[in-house]
Amino acid sequence: MLNCRLQAASADVNSTGQWLKDDAYSVYGVDAATGDTVSCTGSCVDVYAEGLGTATFTHDCQPRDSYYRW
């Protein structure tokens, strides 16, 4: 599940997810765990992915999920 900027205020520290970062973006992955990475396309506002684009999640270099934002 891709959660963008609004999750910054509502991300629960007790959740199983975590913030993942690539070179320019921060994306909250609800099911993210150690070894997970994200790569994003699209716009970035204040380091958060926002607007049109794709977030592709990997675990130990193996593709897991891709999410498209509209």
N, C-alpha and C. Protein backbone atom coordinates (compact mmCIF):
# COMPACT_ATOMS: atom_id res chain seq x y z
N MET A 1 0.84 -1.17 0.00
CA MET A 1 0.00 0.00 0.00
C MET A 1 0.88 1.24 0.00
N LEU A 2 0.61 2.16 -0.85
CA LEU A 2 1.38 3.39 -0.95
C LEU A 2 0.67 4.49 -0.20
N ASN A 3 1.36 5.06 0.74
CA ASN A 3 0.83 6.18 1.49
C ASN A 3 1.79 7.34 1.33
N CYS A 4 1.29 8.44 0.83
CA CYS A 4 2.16 9.58 0.56
C CYS A 4 2.11 10.59 1.70
N ARG A 5 2.16 11.82 1.37
CA ARG A 5 2.39 12.89 2.31
C ARG A 5 1.47 12.90 3.53
N LEU A 6 0.21 12.60 3.39
CA LEU A 6 -0.69 12.66 4.53
C LEU A 6 -0.32 11.67 5.62
N GLN A 7 0.35 10.61 5.29
CA GLN A 7 0.75 9.63 6.30
C GLN A 7 1.80 10.18 7.26
N ALA A 8 2.48 11.25 6.92
CA ALA A 8 3.51 11.80 7.80
C ALA A 8 2.93 12.13 9.16
N ALA A 9 1.72 12.64 9.19
CA ALA A 9 1.10 13.02 10.45
C ALA A 9 0.44 11.84 11.15
N SER A 10 0.06 10.82 10.40
CA SER A 10 -0.71 9.75 11.01
C SER A 10 0.01 8.41 11.10
N ALA A 11 1.28 8.35 10.72
CA ALA A 11 2.03 7.10 10.80
C ALA A 11 2.20 6.72 12.27
N ASP A 12 1.74 5.56 12.64
CA ASP A 12 1.80 5.07 14.01
C ASP A 12 3.16 4.41 14.24
N VAL A 13 3.84 4.80 15.31
CA VAL A 13 5.16 4.22 15.59
C VAL A 13 5.05 2.73 15.93
N ASN A 14 3.87 2.23 16.26
CA ASN A 14 3.68 0.83 16.58
C ASN A 14 3.25 0.00 15.38
N SER A 15 3.12 0.62 14.21
CA SER A 15 2.69 -0.12 13.03
C SER A 15 3.82 -1.01 12.53
N THR A 16 3.51 -1.91 11.62
CA THR A 16 4.53 -2.80 11.08
C THR A 16 5.30 -2.16 9.95
N GLY A 17 4.85 -1.04 9.43
CA GLY A 17 5.51 -0.38 8.31
C GLY A 17 6.63 0.53 8.75
N GLN A 18 7.22 1.17 7.73
CA GLN A 18 8.27 2.14 8.01
C GLN A 18 8.44 3.07 6.80
N TRP A 19 9.09 4.19 7.03
CA TRP A 19 9.40 5.11 5.94
C TRP A 19 10.57 4.55 5.16
N LEU A 20 10.43 4.52 3.85
CA LEU A 20 11.50 4.11 2.94
C LEU A 20 11.90 5.33 2.13
N LYS A 21 13.19 5.45 1.83
CA LYS A 21 13.68 6.61 1.09
C LYS A 21 14.53 6.15 -0.09
N ASP A 22 14.36 6.83 -1.22
CA ASP A 22 15.32 6.68 -2.30
C ASP A 22 16.06 8.02 -2.38
N ASP A 23 16.67 8.33 -3.48
CA ASP A 23 17.49 9.55 -3.56
C ASP A 23 16.72 10.82 -3.23
N ALA A 24 15.48 10.93 -3.67
CA ALA A 24 14.75 12.18 -3.51
C ALA A 24 13.42 12.03 -2.77
N TYR A 25 12.92 10.82 -2.59
CA TYR A 25 11.56 10.60 -2.10
C TYR A 25 11.54 9.88 -0.76
N SER A 26 10.52 10.17 0.01
CA SER A 26 10.18 9.39 1.20
C SER A 26 8.78 8.85 0.99
N VAL A 27 8.62 7.54 1.18
CA VAL A 27 7.33 6.88 1.00
C VAL A 27 7.12 5.95 2.19
N TYR A 28 5.92 6.00 2.78
CA TYR A 28 5.61 5.11 3.89
C TYR A 28 5.07 3.79 3.34
N GLY A 29 5.74 2.70 3.65
CA GLY A 29 5.30 1.36 3.26
C GLY A 29 4.64 0.68 4.44
N VAL A 30 3.35 0.43 4.35
CA VAL A 30 2.60 -0.16 5.46
C VAL A 30 3.18 -1.51 5.87
N ASP A 31 3.59 -2.32 4.89
CA ASP A 31 4.14 -3.64 5.18
C ASP A 31 5.66 -3.68 5.04
N ALA A 32 6.31 -2.52 5.01
CA ALA A 32 7.76 -2.47 4.81
C ALA A 32 8.50 -3.09 6.00
N ALA A 33 9.59 -3.77 5.69
CA ALA A 33 10.40 -4.42 6.71
C ALA A 33 11.88 -4.22 6.37
N THR A 34 12.74 -4.65 7.26
CA THR A 34 14.17 -4.56 7.03
C THR A 34 14.51 -5.27 5.72
N GLY A 35 15.32 -4.63 4.89
CA GLY A 35 15.69 -5.20 3.60
C GLY A 35 14.84 -4.68 2.45
N ASP A 36 13.78 -3.93 2.75
CA ASP A 36 12.93 -3.36 1.72
C ASP A 36 13.50 -2.03 1.23
N THR A 37 13.31 -1.76 -0.06
CA THR A 37 13.70 -0.48 -0.64
C THR A 37 12.57 0.00 -1.53
N VAL A 38 12.63 1.26 -1.92
CA VAL A 38 11.63 1.83 -2.82
C VAL A 38 12.34 2.69 -3.85
N SER A 39 11.81 2.68 -5.06
CA SER A 39 12.23 3.64 -6.08
C SER A 39 10.98 4.29 -6.62
N CYS A 40 11.07 5.58 -6.90
CA CYS A 40 9.88 6.34 -7.27
C CYS A 40 10.12 7.15 -8.54
N THR A 41 9.02 7.39 -9.23
CA THR A 41 9.00 8.35 -10.33
C THR A 41 7.91 9.35 -10.01
N GLY A 42 7.95 10.50 -10.61
CA GLY A 42 6.93 11.51 -10.38
C GLY A 42 7.47 12.66 -9.58
N SER A 43 6.56 13.47 -9.04
CA SER A 43 6.97 14.67 -8.34
C SER A 43 7.25 14.39 -6.87
N CYS A 44 8.01 15.31 -6.30
CA CYS A 44 8.41 15.22 -4.90
C CYS A 44 8.20 16.59 -4.28
N VAL A 45 7.48 16.65 -3.15
CA VAL A 45 7.24 17.91 -2.45
C VAL A 45 7.73 17.75 -1.02
N ASP A 46 8.69 18.57 -0.63
CA ASP A 46 9.26 18.49 0.72
C ASP A 46 9.70 17.07 1.07
N VAL A 47 10.37 16.41 0.19
CA VAL A 47 10.92 15.04 0.26
C VAL A 47 9.87 13.93 0.23
N TYR A 48 8.59 14.25 0.10
CA TYR A 48 7.56 13.23 0.05
C TYR A 48 7.06 13.05 -1.38
N ALA A 49 6.89 11.80 -1.80
CA ALA A 49 6.31 11.52 -3.11
C ALA A 49 4.90 12.08 -3.14
N GLU A 50 4.55 12.75 -4.24
CA GLU A 50 3.23 13.36 -4.33
C GLU A 50 2.80 13.46 -5.78
N GLY A 51 1.52 13.27 -6.04
CA GLY A 51 0.99 13.41 -7.39
C GLY A 51 1.18 12.16 -8.23
N LEU A 52 1.24 12.35 -9.55
CA LEU A 52 1.37 11.23 -10.48
C LEU A 52 2.74 10.59 -10.37
N GLY A 53 2.78 9.28 -10.44
CA GLY A 53 4.04 8.57 -10.41
C GLY A 53 3.86 7.12 -10.00
N THR A 54 4.98 6.43 -9.87
CA THR A 54 4.99 5.02 -9.51
C THR A 54 5.99 4.79 -8.38
N ALA A 55 5.61 4.02 -7.41
CA ALA A 55 6.52 3.57 -6.35
C ALA A 55 6.69 2.07 -6.52
N THR A 56 7.92 1.63 -6.67
CA THR A 56 8.21 0.21 -6.82
C THR A 56 8.98 -0.25 -5.59
N PHE A 57 8.43 -1.23 -4.89
CA PHE A 57 9.04 -1.75 -3.67
C PHE A 57 9.80 -3.04 -3.98
N THR A 58 10.97 -3.19 -3.37
CA THR A 58 11.74 -4.42 -3.50
C THR A 58 12.13 -4.92 -2.11
N HIS A 59 12.38 -6.21 -2.01
CA HIS A 59 12.88 -6.81 -0.78
C HIS A 59 14.09 -7.65 -1.15
N ASP A 60 15.23 -7.34 -0.56
CA ASP A 60 16.48 -8.02 -0.88
C ASP A 60 16.71 -8.08 -2.38
N CYS A 61 16.51 -6.93 -3.05
CA CYS A 61 16.73 -6.74 -4.49
C CYS A 61 15.74 -7.48 -5.38
N GLN A 62 14.68 -8.05 -4.84
CA GLN A 62 13.66 -8.74 -5.63
C GLN A 62 12.38 -7.88 -5.63
N PRO A 63 11.82 -7.60 -6.82
CA PRO A 63 10.59 -6.79 -6.89
C PRO A 63 9.46 -7.40 -6.07
N ARG A 64 8.74 -6.56 -5.34
CA ARG A 64 7.58 -7.00 -4.56
C ARG A 64 6.30 -6.42 -5.11
N ASP A 65 6.20 -5.11 -5.13
CA ASP A 65 4.96 -4.44 -5.50
C ASP A 65 5.26 -3.14 -6.24
N SER A 66 4.32 -2.73 -7.09
CA SER A 66 4.37 -1.41 -7.70
C SER A 66 3.01 -0.76 -7.49
N TYR A 67 3.03 0.51 -7.14
CA TYR A 67 1.79 1.25 -6.95
C TYR A 67 1.83 2.50 -7.78
N TYR A 68 0.71 2.82 -8.38
CA TYR A 68 0.58 3.97 -9.25
C TYR A 68 -0.29 5.00 -8.57
N ARG A 69 0.12 6.26 -8.58
CA ARG A 69 -0.64 7.34 -7.94
C ARG A 69 -1.31 8.18 -9.01
N TRP A 70 -2.54 8.58 -8.78
CA TRP A 70 -3.27 9.46 -9.68
C TRP A 70 -3.62 10.72 -8.98
